C-alpha atoms as a PDB file:
ATOM      1  CA  MET A   1     -27.240   9.189   4.600  1.00  0.00           C
ATOM      2  CA  GLU A   2     -28.244  11.119   1.500  1.00  0.00           C
ATOM      3  CA  LEU A   3     -29.792  10.061  -1.791  1.00  0.00           C
ATOM      4  CA  ILE A   4     -27.436  11.528  -4.389  1.00  0.00           C
ATOM      5  CA  PRO A   5     -27.401  11.695  -8.213  1.00  0.00           C
ATOM      6  CA  CYS A   6     -25.358   9.106 -10.085  1.00  0.00           C
ATOM      7  CA  ASN A   7     -21.745  10.251  -9.989  1.00  0.00           C
ATOM      8  CA  SER A   8     -21.097   9.217 -13.589  1.00  0.00           C
ATOM      9  CA  CYS A   9     -24.123  10.630 -15.440  1.00  0.00           C
ATOM     10  CA  GLY A  10     -26.175  12.690 -12.974  1.00  0.00           C
ATOM     11  CA  GLU A  11     -29.298  10.488 -13.173  1.00  0.00           C
ATOM     12  CA  ASN A  12     -31.592  10.427 -10.110  1.00  0.00           C
ATOM     13  CA  ARG A  13     -33.383   7.147 -10.804  1.00  0.00           C
ATOM     14  CA  PHE A  14     -32.035   3.804  -9.629  1.00  0.00           C
ATOM     15  CA  ARG A  15     -32.925   0.115  -9.650  1.00  0.00           C
ATOM     16  CA  PRO A  16     -32.526  -1.729  -6.328  1.00  0.00           C
ATOM     17  CA  ILE A  17     -30.123  -4.695  -6.365  1.00  0.00           C
ATOM     18  CA  LEU A  18     -29.761  -5.765  -2.737  1.00  0.00           C
ATOM     19  CA  THR A  19     -29.302  -4.553   0.825  1.00  0.00           C
ATOM     20  CA  LYS A  20     -26.294  -5.497   2.928  1.00  0.00           C
ATOM     21  CA  GLU A  21     -25.461  -4.960   6.572  1.00  0.00           C
ATOM     22  CA  SER A  22     -22.052  -3.701   7.697  1.00  0.00           C
ATOM     23  CA  PRO A  23     -20.110  -5.189  10.630  1.00  0.00           C
ATOM     24  CA  LEU A  24     -21.389  -2.280  12.753  1.00  0.00           C
ATOM     25  CA  GLY A  25     -24.987  -3.278  12.059  1.00  0.00           C
ATOM     26  CA  GLU A  26     -25.745  -0.474   9.624  1.00  0.00           C
ATOM     27  CA  SER A  27     -27.775  -1.356   6.536  1.00  0.00           C
ATOM     28  CA  PHE A  28     -26.802  -0.095   3.071  1.00  0.00           C
ATOM     29  CA  SER A  29     -28.686  -0.255  -0.232  1.00  0.00           C
ATOM     30  CA  ILE A  30     -26.867  -1.301  -3.408  1.00  0.00           C
ATOM     31  CA  VAL A  31     -28.529   0.128  -6.519  1.00  0.00           C
ATOM     32  CA  SER A  32     -27.778   0.585 -10.222  1.00  0.00           C
ATOM     33  CA  CYS A  33     -28.291   3.747 -12.253  1.00  0.00           C
ATOM     34  CA  VAL A  34     -31.136   3.363 -14.779  1.00  0.00           C
ATOM     35  CA  ARG A  35     -29.206   5.398 -17.378  1.00  0.00           C
ATOM     36  CA  CYS A  36     -25.539   4.355 -17.246  1.00  0.00           C
ATOM     37  CA  GLY A  37     -25.750   1.239 -15.057  1.00  0.00           C
ATOM     38  CA  LEU A  38     -23.214   2.350 -12.422  1.00  0.00           C
ATOM     39  CA  VAL A  39     -23.665   0.207  -9.310  1.00  0.00           C
ATOM     40  CA  GLN A  40     -23.350   2.170  -6.085  1.00  0.00           C
ATOM     41  CA  VAL A  41     -24.253   2.558  -2.426  1.00  0.00           C
ATOM     42  CA  ASN A  42     -27.222   4.948  -2.452  1.00  0.00           C
ATOM     43  CA  PRO A  43     -28.409   6.594  -0.226  1.00  0.00           C
ATOM     44  CA  GLN A  44     -24.761   7.302   0.510  1.00  0.00           C
ATOM     45  CA  PRO A  45     -23.147   7.858   3.923  1.00  0.00           C
ATOM     46  CA  ASP A  46     -21.030  10.994   4.218  1.00  0.00           C
ATOM     47  CA  PHE A  47     -17.277  11.029   4.772  1.00  0.00           C
ATOM     48  CA  LEU A  48     -17.435  11.037   8.580  1.00  0.00           C
ATOM     49  CA  ALA A  49     -19.905   8.148   8.604  1.00  0.00           C
ATOM     50  CA  VAL A  50     -17.482   6.046   6.531  1.00  0.00           C
ATOM     51  CA  LYS A  51     -14.285   7.190   8.259  1.00  0.00           C
ATOM     52  CA  LYS A  52     -15.033   5.165  11.410  1.00  0.00           C
ATOM     53  CA  TYR A  53     -14.561   1.976   9.363  1.00  0.00           C
ATOM     54  CA  TYR A  54     -10.948   2.930   8.622  1.00  0.00           C
ATOM     55  CA  ASP A  55      -9.356   2.748  12.053  1.00  0.00           C
ATOM     56  CA  ASP A  56      -5.962   1.086  12.470  1.00  0.00           C
ATOM     57  CA  SER A  57      -7.546  -2.376  12.759  1.00  0.00           C
ATOM     58  CA  TYR A  58      -8.522  -2.129   9.069  1.00  0.00           C
ATOM     59  CA  PHE A  59      -4.810  -2.413   8.283  1.00  0.00           C
ATOM     60  CA  THR A  60      -3.765  -4.855  11.015  1.00  0.00           C
ATOM     61  CA  GLN A  61      -6.532  -7.457  11.484  1.00  0.00           C
ATOM     62  CA  ARG A  62      -7.466  -9.872   8.731  1.00  0.00           C
ATOM     63  CA  THR A  63     -11.160  -9.678   7.823  1.00  0.00           C
ATOM     64  CA  GLU A  64     -13.059  -9.730   4.511  1.00  0.00           C
ATOM     65  CA  ARG A  65     -12.601  -5.949   4.590  1.00  0.00           C
ATOM     66  CA  GLY A  66      -9.005  -5.365   5.584  1.00  0.00           C
ATOM     67  CA  TYR A  67      -5.544  -6.850   5.830  1.00  0.00           C
ATOM     68  CA  ASP A  68      -3.592  -9.319   7.933  1.00  0.00           C
ATOM     69  CA  ASN A  69      -1.003  -6.749   9.089  1.00  0.00           C
ATOM     70  CA  TYR A  70      -0.661  -4.437   6.103  1.00  0.00           C
ATOM     71  CA  TYR A  71       2.760  -3.365   7.416  1.00  0.00           C
ATOM     72  CA  SER A  72       4.351  -6.823   7.261  1.00  0.00           C
ATOM     73  CA  ASP A  73       7.174  -7.615   4.838  1.00  0.00           C
ATOM     74  CA  LYS A  74       5.164 -10.605   3.585  1.00  0.00           C
ATOM     75  CA  LEU A  75       2.177  -8.517   2.544  1.00  0.00           C
ATOM     76  CA  ARG A  76       4.359  -5.776   1.121  1.00  0.00           C
ATOM     77  CA  THR A  77       6.046  -8.377  -1.099  1.00  0.00           C
ATOM     78  CA  GLU A  78       2.686  -9.749  -2.264  1.00  0.00           C
ATOM     79  CA  ILE A  79       1.269  -6.296  -3.023  1.00  0.00           C
ATOM     80  CA  SER A  80       4.427  -5.392  -4.935  1.00  0.00           C
ATOM     81  CA  ARG A  81       4.201  -8.618  -6.926  1.00  0.00           C
ATOM     82  CA  VAL A  82       0.621  -7.833  -7.971  1.00  0.00           C
ATOM     83  CA  PHE A  83       1.219  -4.308  -9.188  1.00  0.00           C
ATOM     84  CA  GLN A  84       4.359  -5.347 -11.067  1.00  0.00           C
ATOM     85  CA  LEU A  85       2.314  -8.022 -12.879  1.00  0.00           C
ATOM     86  CA  ASN A  86      -0.336  -5.403 -13.626  1.00  0.00           C
ATOM     87  CA  LEU A  87       2.238  -3.009 -15.092  1.00  0.00           C
ATOM     88  CA  LYS A  88       3.618  -5.781 -17.281  1.00  0.00           C
ATOM     89  CA  ASP A  89       0.152  -6.734 -18.558  1.00  0.00           C
ATOM     90  CA  LEU A  90      -0.529  -3.075 -19.407  1.00  0.00           C
ATOM     91  CA  ASP A  91       2.765  -2.866 -21.346  1.00  0.00           C
ATOM     92  CA  PHE A  92       3.592   0.078 -19.092  1.00  0.00           C
ATOM     93  CA  PHE A  93       7.326  -0.483 -19.335  1.00  0.00           C
ATOM     94  CA  SER A  94       7.276   0.151 -23.096  1.00  0.00           C
ATOM     95  CA  TRP A  95       5.548   3.485 -22.504  1.00  0.00           C
ATOM     96  CA  GLU A  96       8.063   4.241 -19.760  1.00  0.00           C
ATOM     97  CA  LYS A  97      11.051   3.447 -21.982  1.00  0.00           C
ATOM     98  CA  ASP A  98       9.730   5.750 -24.682  1.00  0.00           C
ATOM     99  CA  ARG A  99       9.005   8.488 -22.140  1.00  0.00           C
ATOM    100  CA  ASN A 100      12.511   8.237 -20.686  1.00  0.00           C
ATOM    101  CA  SER A 101      14.043   8.756 -24.118  1.00  0.00           C
ATOM    102  CA  PHE A 102      12.764  12.342 -24.149  1.00  0.00           C
ATOM    103  CA  LEU A 103      14.148  13.331 -20.744  1.00  0.00           C
ATOM    104  CA  LEU A 104      16.929  15.894 -20.453  1.00  0.00           C
ATOM    105  CA  PRO A 105      20.185  14.895 -18.683  1.00  0.00           C
ATOM    106  CA  GLY A 106      19.548  14.735 -14.935  1.00  0.00           C
ATOM    107  CA  GLU A 107      15.760  14.870 -15.359  1.00  0.00           C
ATOM    108  CA  LYS A 108      13.546  12.207 -13.731  1.00  0.00           C
ATOM    109  CA  LEU A 109      10.090  10.904 -14.415  1.00  0.00           C
ATOM    110  CA  SER A 110       7.617  11.777 -11.656  1.00  0.00           C
ATOM    111  CA  SER A 111       4.723   9.840 -10.152  1.00  0.00           C
ATOM    112  CA  LEU A 112       1.890  10.325  -7.668  1.00  0.00           C
ATOM    113  CA  ASP A 113       0.033   7.433  -6.035  1.00  0.00           C
ATOM    114  CA  ILE A 114      -3.402   8.535  -4.773  1.00  0.00           C
ATOM    115  CA  GLY A 115      -4.649   6.579  -1.773  1.00  0.00           C
ATOM    116  CA  CYS A 116      -1.131   5.262  -1.334  1.00  0.00           C
ATOM    117  CA  ALA A 117      -1.725   3.648   2.107  1.00  0.00           C
ATOM    118  CA  ALA A 118       1.703   2.675   3.500  1.00  0.00           C
ATOM    119  CA  GLY A 119       3.438   3.859   0.331  1.00  0.00           C
ATOM    120  CA  TYR A 120       4.555   0.581  -1.205  1.00  0.00           C
ATOM    121  CA  PHE A 121       4.088   1.739  -4.788  1.00  0.00           C
ATOM    122  CA  VAL A 122       5.721   5.065  -3.952  1.00  0.00           C
ATOM    123  CA  ALA A 123       8.742   3.161  -2.632  1.00  0.00           C
ATOM    124  CA  TYR A 124       8.790   0.985  -5.758  1.00  0.00           C
ATOM    125  CA  GLN A 125       8.821   4.042  -8.008  1.00  0.00           C
ATOM    126  CA  LYS A 126      11.449   5.791  -5.890  1.00  0.00           C
ATOM    127  CA  ASP A 127      13.720   2.724  -6.081  1.00  0.00           C
ATOM    128  CA  ARG A 128      13.355   2.768  -9.873  1.00  0.00           C
ATOM    129  CA  GLY A 129      14.568   6.351 -10.121  1.00  0.00           C
ATOM    130  CA  TYR A 130      11.301   8.278 -10.099  1.00  0.00           C
ATOM    131  CA  GLU A 131      10.626  11.480  -8.237  1.00  0.00           C
ATOM    132  CA  ALA A 132       7.882   9.674  -6.352  1.00  0.00           C
ATOM    133  CA  PHE A 133       5.086  11.012  -4.159  1.00  0.00           C
ATOM    134  CA  GLY A 134       1.965   9.647  -2.499  1.00  0.00           C
ATOM    135  CA  ILE A 135      -1.188  11.103  -0.989  1.00  0.00           C
ATOM    136  CA  GLU A 136      -3.217   9.452   1.783  1.00  0.00           C
ATOM    137  CA  ILE A 137      -5.578  10.508   4.586  1.00  0.00           C
ATOM    138  CA  ALA A 138      -5.281   7.603   7.078  1.00  0.00           C
ATOM    139  CA  ASP A 139      -2.959   8.393  10.001  1.00  0.00           C
ATOM    140  CA  GLY A 140      -1.339   4.976  10.548  1.00  0.00           C
ATOM    141  CA  PRO A 141      -0.242   4.305   6.954  1.00  0.00           C
ATOM    142  CA  VAL A 142       1.040   7.872   6.515  1.00  0.00           C
ATOM    143  CA  ARG A 143       3.109   7.591   9.674  1.00  0.00           C
ATOM    144  CA  PHE A 144       4.579   4.264   8.502  1.00  0.00           C
ATOM    145  CA  ALA A 145       5.352   5.594   5.012  1.00  0.00           C
ATOM    146  CA  ARG A 146       7.051   8.702   6.323  1.00  0.00           C
ATOM    147  CA  GLU A 147       8.905   7.315   9.332  1.00  0.00           C
ATOM    148  CA  THR A 148       9.775   3.773   8.258  1.00  0.00           C
ATOM    149  CA  LEU A 149      10.079   4.065   4.484  1.00  0.00           C
ATOM    150  CA  LYS A 150      11.186   7.743   4.414  1.00  0.00           C
ATOM    151  CA  LEU A 151       8.800   8.654   1.601  1.00  0.00           C
ATOM    152  CA  ASN A 152       7.304  11.918   0.373  1.00  0.00           C
ATOM    153  CA  ILE A 153       3.652  11.633   1.397  1.00  0.00           C
ATOM    154  CA  PHE A 154       0.992  14.341   1.437  1.00  0.00           C
ATOM    155  CA  GLN A 155      -1.646  13.762   4.125  1.00  0.00           C
ATOM    156  CA  GLU A 156      -4.633  15.462   2.526  1.00  0.00           C
ATOM    157  CA  ASN A 157      -7.827  14.849   0.632  1.00  0.00           C
ATOM    158  CA  PHE A 158      -6.757  14.812  -3.019  1.00  0.00           C
ATOM    159  CA  LEU A 159      -9.665  17.034  -4.102  1.00  0.00           C
ATOM    160  CA  ASP A 160      -8.539  19.730  -1.632  1.00  0.00           C
ATOM    161  CA  TRP A 161      -4.831  19.409  -2.435  1.00  0.00           C
ATOM    162  CA  ASP A 162      -2.869  21.733  -4.774  1.00  0.00           C
ATOM    163  CA  ASN A 163      -5.880  23.342  -6.407  1.00  0.00           C
ATOM    164  CA  GLN A 164      -3.558  25.670  -8.326  1.00  0.00           C
ATOM    165  CA  PHE A 165      -2.190  22.590 -10.123  1.00  0.00           C
ATOM    166  CA  GLN A 166       1.429  23.548  -9.521  1.00  0.00           C
ATOM    167  CA  LYS A 167       2.454  19.878  -9.237  1.00  0.00           C
ATOM    168  CA  GLN A 168       2.510  17.907 -12.485  1.00  0.00           C
ATOM    169  CA  PHE A 169       3.336  14.227 -12.958  1.00  0.00           C
ATOM    170  CA  ASP A 170       4.191  11.749 -15.700  1.00  0.00           C
ATOM    171  CA  VAL A 171       2.354   8.911 -13.934  1.00  0.00           C
ATOM    172  CA  ILE A 172      -0.607   9.009 -11.565  1.00  0.00           C
ATOM    173  CA  THR A 173      -1.971   5.808 -10.030  1.00  0.00           C
ATOM    174  CA  LEU A 174      -5.159   4.754  -8.255  1.00  0.00           C
ATOM    175  CA  TRP A 175      -4.509   1.222  -7.030  1.00  0.00           C
ATOM    176  CA  ALA A 176      -7.823  -0.153  -5.645  1.00  0.00           C
ATOM    177  CA  THR A 177      -8.837   3.345  -4.581  1.00  0.00           C
ATOM    178  CA  ILE A 178     -11.556   4.740  -6.843  1.00  0.00           C
ATOM    179  CA  GLU A 179     -14.234   2.465  -5.354  1.00  0.00           C
ATOM    180  CA  HIS A 180     -13.665   4.112  -1.951  1.00  0.00           C
ATOM    181  CA  LEU A 181     -14.099   7.704  -3.106  1.00  0.00           C
ATOM    182  CA  HIS A 182     -17.175   9.862  -2.570  1.00  0.00           C
ATOM    183  CA  LYS A 183     -16.442  11.810  -5.755  1.00  0.00           C
ATOM    184  CA  PRO A 184     -14.673   9.488  -8.220  1.00  0.00           C
ATOM    185  CA  LYS A 185     -15.584  11.406 -11.386  1.00  0.00           C
ATOM    186  CA  GLU A 186     -14.377  14.679  -9.885  1.00  0.00           C
ATOM    187  CA  THR A 187     -11.165  12.920  -8.842  1.00  0.00           C
ATOM    188  CA  LEU A 188     -10.547  11.720 -12.406  1.00  0.00           C
ATOM    189  CA  GLU A 189     -11.191  15.231 -13.730  1.00  0.00           C
ATOM    190  CA  LYS A 190      -8.651  16.673 -11.293  1.00  0.00           C
ATOM    191  CA  ILE A 191      -6.112  13.981 -12.196  1.00  0.00           C
ATOM    192  CA  GLN A 192      -6.294  15.184 -15.815  1.00  0.00           C
ATOM    193  CA  LYS A 193      -5.059  18.598 -14.686  1.00  0.00           C
ATOM    194  CA  HIS A 194      -2.150  17.132 -12.699  1.00  0.00           C
ATOM    195  CA  LEU A 195      -0.888  14.954 -15.569  1.00  0.00           C
ATOM    196  CA  LYS A 196       1.757  16.234 -17.922  1.00  0.00           C
ATOM    197  CA  PRO A 197       0.850  16.041 -21.627  1.00  0.00           C
ATOM    198  CA  GLY A 198       1.214  12.429 -22.723  1.00  0.00           C
ATOM    199  CA  GLY A 199       1.290  11.234 -19.111  1.00  0.00           C
ATOM    200  CA  VAL A 200      -0.615   8.149 -17.985  1.00  0.00           C
ATOM    201  CA  LEU A 201      -3.233   7.319 -15.394  1.00  0.00           C
ATOM    202  CA  ILE A 202      -3.263   3.740 -14.113  1.00  0.00           C
ATOM    203  CA  LEU A 203      -6.149   2.534 -11.984  1.00  0.00           C
ATOM    204  CA  SER A 204      -7.322  -0.790 -10.662  1.00  0.00           C
ATOM    205  CA  THR A 205     -10.688  -1.504  -9.072  1.00  0.00           C
ATOM    206  CA  CYS A 206     -13.130  -4.291  -8.397  1.00  0.00           C
ATOM    207  CA  ARG A 207     -15.308  -5.022 -11.413  1.00  0.00           C
ATOM    208  CA  TYR A 208     -19.084  -5.454 -11.258  1.00  0.00           C
ATOM    209  CA  GLY A 209     -19.699  -8.226 -13.740  1.00  0.00           C
ATOM    210  CA  LEU A 210     -20.691 -11.877 -13.912  1.00  0.00           C
ATOM    211  CA  LEU A 211     -18.793 -13.017 -10.811  1.00  0.00           C
ATOM    212  CA  ALA A 212     -20.211 -10.150  -8.741  1.00  0.00           C
ATOM    213  CA  LYS A 213     -23.750 -10.991  -9.829  1.00  0.00           C
ATOM    214  CA  LEU A 214     -23.255 -14.686  -9.069  1.00  0.00           C
ATOM    215  CA  GLY A 215     -21.776 -13.880  -5.675  1.00  0.00           C
ATOM    216  CA  GLY A 216     -24.580 -11.559  -4.591  1.00  0.00           C
ATOM    217  CA  LYS A 217     -24.200 -10.506  -0.957  1.00  0.00           C
ATOM    218  CA  ASN A 218     -21.248 -12.872  -0.605  1.00  0.00           C
ATOM    219  CA  TRP A 219     -19.180 -11.344  -3.411  1.00  0.00           C
ATOM    220  CA  ARG A 220     -15.739 -10.751  -1.942  1.00  0.00           C
ATOM    221  CA  TYR A 221     -15.590  -7.050  -2.867  1.00  0.00           C
ATOM    222  CA  LEU A 222     -19.061  -6.082  -1.663  1.00  0.00           C
ATOM    223  CA  ASN A 223     -17.633  -4.330   1.389  1.00  0.00           C
ATOM    224  CA  VAL A 224     -20.047  -1.640   2.525  1.00  0.00           C
ATOM    225  CA  PRO A 225     -19.719   1.191   3.217  1.00  0.00           C
ATOM    226  CA  GLU A 226     -15.974   1.309   2.415  1.00  0.00           C
ATOM    227  CA  HIS A 227     -16.668   0.491  -1.236  1.00  0.00           C
ATOM    228  CA  LEU A 228     -19.145   3.070  -2.531  1.00  0.00           C
ATOM    229  CA  TYR A 229     -18.937   2.484  -6.305  1.00  0.00           C
ATOM    230  CA  TYR A 230     -18.770  -0.662  -8.422  1.00  0.00           C
ATOM    231  CA  TYR A 231     -17.925  -0.050 -12.087  1.00  0.00           C
ATOM    232  CA  SER A 232     -18.505  -2.415 -14.974  1.00  0.00           C
ATOM    233  CA  TYR A 233     -15.641  -3.045 -17.409  1.00  0.00           C
ATOM    234  CA  LYS A 234     -17.334  -1.109 -20.198  1.00  0.00           C
ATOM    235  CA  GLY A 235     -18.744   1.553 -17.884  1.00  0.00           C
ATOM    236  CA  LEU A 236     -15.332   2.540 -16.526  1.00  0.00           C
ATOM    237  CA  LYS A 237     -13.890   2.740 -20.042  1.00  0.00           C
ATOM    238  CA  ASN A 238     -16.762   4.957 -21.183  1.00  0.00           C
ATOM    239  CA  LEU A 239     -16.271   7.274 -18.214  1.00  0.00           C
ATOM    240  CA  LEU A 240     -12.530   7.636 -18.831  1.00  0.00           C
ATOM    241  CA  LEU A 241     -13.042   8.366 -22.533  1.00  0.00           C
ATOM    242  CA  SER A 242     -15.797  10.885 -21.780  1.00  0.00           C
ATOM    243  CA  LEU A 243     -13.346  12.817 -19.603  1.00  0.00           C
ATOM    244  CA  GLY A 244     -10.836  13.136 -22.438  1.00  0.00           C
ATOM    245  CA  PHE A 245      -8.422  10.310 -21.656  1.00  0.00           C
ATOM    246  CA  VAL A 246      -7.171   8.419 -24.713  1.00  0.00           C
ATOM    247  CA  LYS A 247      -5.532   5.143 -25.781  1.00  0.00           C
ATOM    248  CA  PRO A 248      -7.058   2.838 -23.150  1.00  0.00           C
ATOM    249  CA  VAL A 249      -5.250  -0.422 -22.382  1.00  0.00           C
ATOM    250  CA  SER A 250      -6.974  -2.809 -19.985  1.00  0.00           C
ATOM    251  CA  PHE A 251      -7.492  -6.333 -18.710  1.00  0.00           C
ATOM    252  CA  THR A 252      -9.383  -8.189 -15.972  1.00  0.00           C
ATOM    253  CA  TYR A 253      -8.205 -10.829 -13.522  1.00  0.00           C
ATOM    254  CA  GLY A 254      -9.330 -12.685 -10.404  1.00  0.00           C
ATOM    255  CA  SER A 255     -11.662 -15.686 -10.221  1.00  0.00           C
ATOM    256  CA  GLY A 256     -12.942 -14.913  -6.732  1.00  0.00           C
ATOM    257  CA  MET A 257     -10.946 -17.761  -5.194  1.00  0.00           C
ATOM    258  CA  THR A 258      -8.997 -15.962  -2.489  1.00  0.00           C
ATOM    259  CA  SER A 259      -5.610 -17.338  -1.408  1.00  0.00           C
ATOM    260  CA  ARG A 260      -5.626 -18.786   2.088  1.00  0.00           C
ATOM    261  CA  ALA A 261      -3.093 -20.229   4.465  1.00  0.00           C
ATOM    262  CA  GLY A 262      -2.932 -24.015   4.544  1.00  0.00           C
ATOM    263  CA  ALA A 263      -4.909 -24.457   1.325  1.00  0.00           C
ATOM    264  CA  SER A 264      -4.788 -27.926  -0.202  1.00  0.00           C
ATOM    265  CA  LEU A 265      -2.854 -28.686  -3.376  1.00  0.00           C
ATOM    266  CA  PHE A 266      -6.173 -29.307  -5.141  1.00  0.00           C
ATOM    267  CA  PHE A 267      -7.461 -25.849  -4.154  1.00  0.00           C
ATOM    268  CA  LYS A 268      -4.243 -24.193  -5.336  1.00  0.00           C
ATOM    269  CA  LEU A 269      -4.383 -25.990  -8.697  1.00  0.00           C
ATOM    270  CA  ARG A 270      -8.058 -25.161  -9.156  1.00  0.00           C
ATOM    271  CA  LYS A 271      -7.434 -21.523  -8.274  1.00  0.00           C
ATOM    272  CA  ARG A 272      -4.559 -21.319 -10.754  1.00  0.00           C
ATOM    273  CA  VAL A 273      -6.701 -22.762 -13.559  1.00  0.00           C
ATOM    274  CA  MET A 274      -9.706 -20.573 -12.767  1.00  0.00           C
ATOM    275  CA  ASP A 275      -7.609 -17.419 -12.467  1.00  0.00           C
ATOM    276  CA  GLN A 276      -6.109 -18.069 -15.892  1.00  0.00           C
ATOM    277  CA  LEU A 277      -9.464 -18.830 -17.490  1.00  0.00           C
ATOM    278  CA  VAL A 278     -11.177 -15.649 -16.279  1.00  0.00           C
ATOM    279  CA  LYS A 279      -8.207 -13.608 -17.436  1.00  0.00           C
ATOM    280  CA  TRP A 280      -8.297 -15.152 -20.920  1.00  0.00           C
ATOM    281  CA  PHE A 281     -12.058 -14.574 -21.260  1.00  0.00           C
ATOM    282  CA  GLN A 282     -12.093 -11.111 -19.608  1.00  0.00           C
ATOM    283  CA  LEU A 283     -14.366 -12.309 -16.781  1.00  0.00           C
ATOM    284  CA  GLY A 284     -12.230 -11.377 -13.759  1.00  0.00           C
ATOM    285  CA  ASP A 285     -13.733  -9.448 -10.860  1.00  0.00           C
ATOM    286  CA  MET A 286     -10.772  -7.056 -10.776  1.00  0.00           C
ATOM    287  CA  MET A 287      -9.874  -4.772 -13.676  1.00  0.00           C
ATOM    288  CA  VAL A 288      -6.969  -2.504 -14.529  1.00  0.00           C
ATOM    289  CA  TYR A 289      -6.883   0.415 -16.963  1.00  0.00           C
ATOM    290  CA  MET A 290      -4.082   2.572 -18.305  1.00  0.00           C
ATOM    291  CA  VAL A 291      -5.115   5.714 -20.186  1.00  0.00           C
ATOM    292  CA  ARG A 292      -3.194   8.743 -21.439  1.00  0.00           C
ATOM    293  CA  LYS A 293      -3.626  12.459 -21.360  1.00  0.00           C
ATOM    294  CA  MET A 294      -3.436  13.840 -24.866  1.00  0.00           C
ATOM    295  CA  ASP A 295      -0.046  15.236 -25.909  1.00  0.00           C
END
């Protein structure tokens, strides 16, 4: 555990918010930066201290922190449905159509999904004609992506991978990944160098806003220490713009009412209404951004 400067602005002063205990009985402090407001776990556990929380059960046993069999067809379908809705809301397909119009005969668009887990978005992009790649460090998901889905997956830490920047992509994605990273700002800076001119970065992450504050320790995304950083809607936009990304497109979604098996019709109707309301009023506790690298 080490007290570290704010990853966004370098400030060393923080306001305490709350303390939460992990399932292993370890206690973690949630604080906010006094300068930029970034909410974070600080003091921060190092990579090895966090890695023990990502064993195979994280992907195969349903808890507030993981998945009910991440490798099932049912969950793959649901995950695919969500990111397709996100792409539609970002108007990504219009950008893609325009980008395709400049390709030479036989040339393909390329994509890299960072923190790709079992590779579902990589498979989606591959099926749509992309030269698609993923990068992931967890053994189980990489094995599944390579052996079952036959995908091109790099098993490395992104910050240590291809530091000569020989690989360039039209699209780079961070689906619910940036909150897990020890060095998110450095990751975004490196992504800039791997994007082709005019290429896009798409990222989704939990959003620290009204619903998070109301939820307190019980907020559904306050999973420590797996989630190390909690960005506000405005704070994430400011960070992306400060790093040279342009033309941000974004939205929020998610009312905090998590789908559950056997839910009553009343719960389903209430969830549907609440989900729509928070999306309309930009109050959701998930957010998605698409930004471009300058041409």
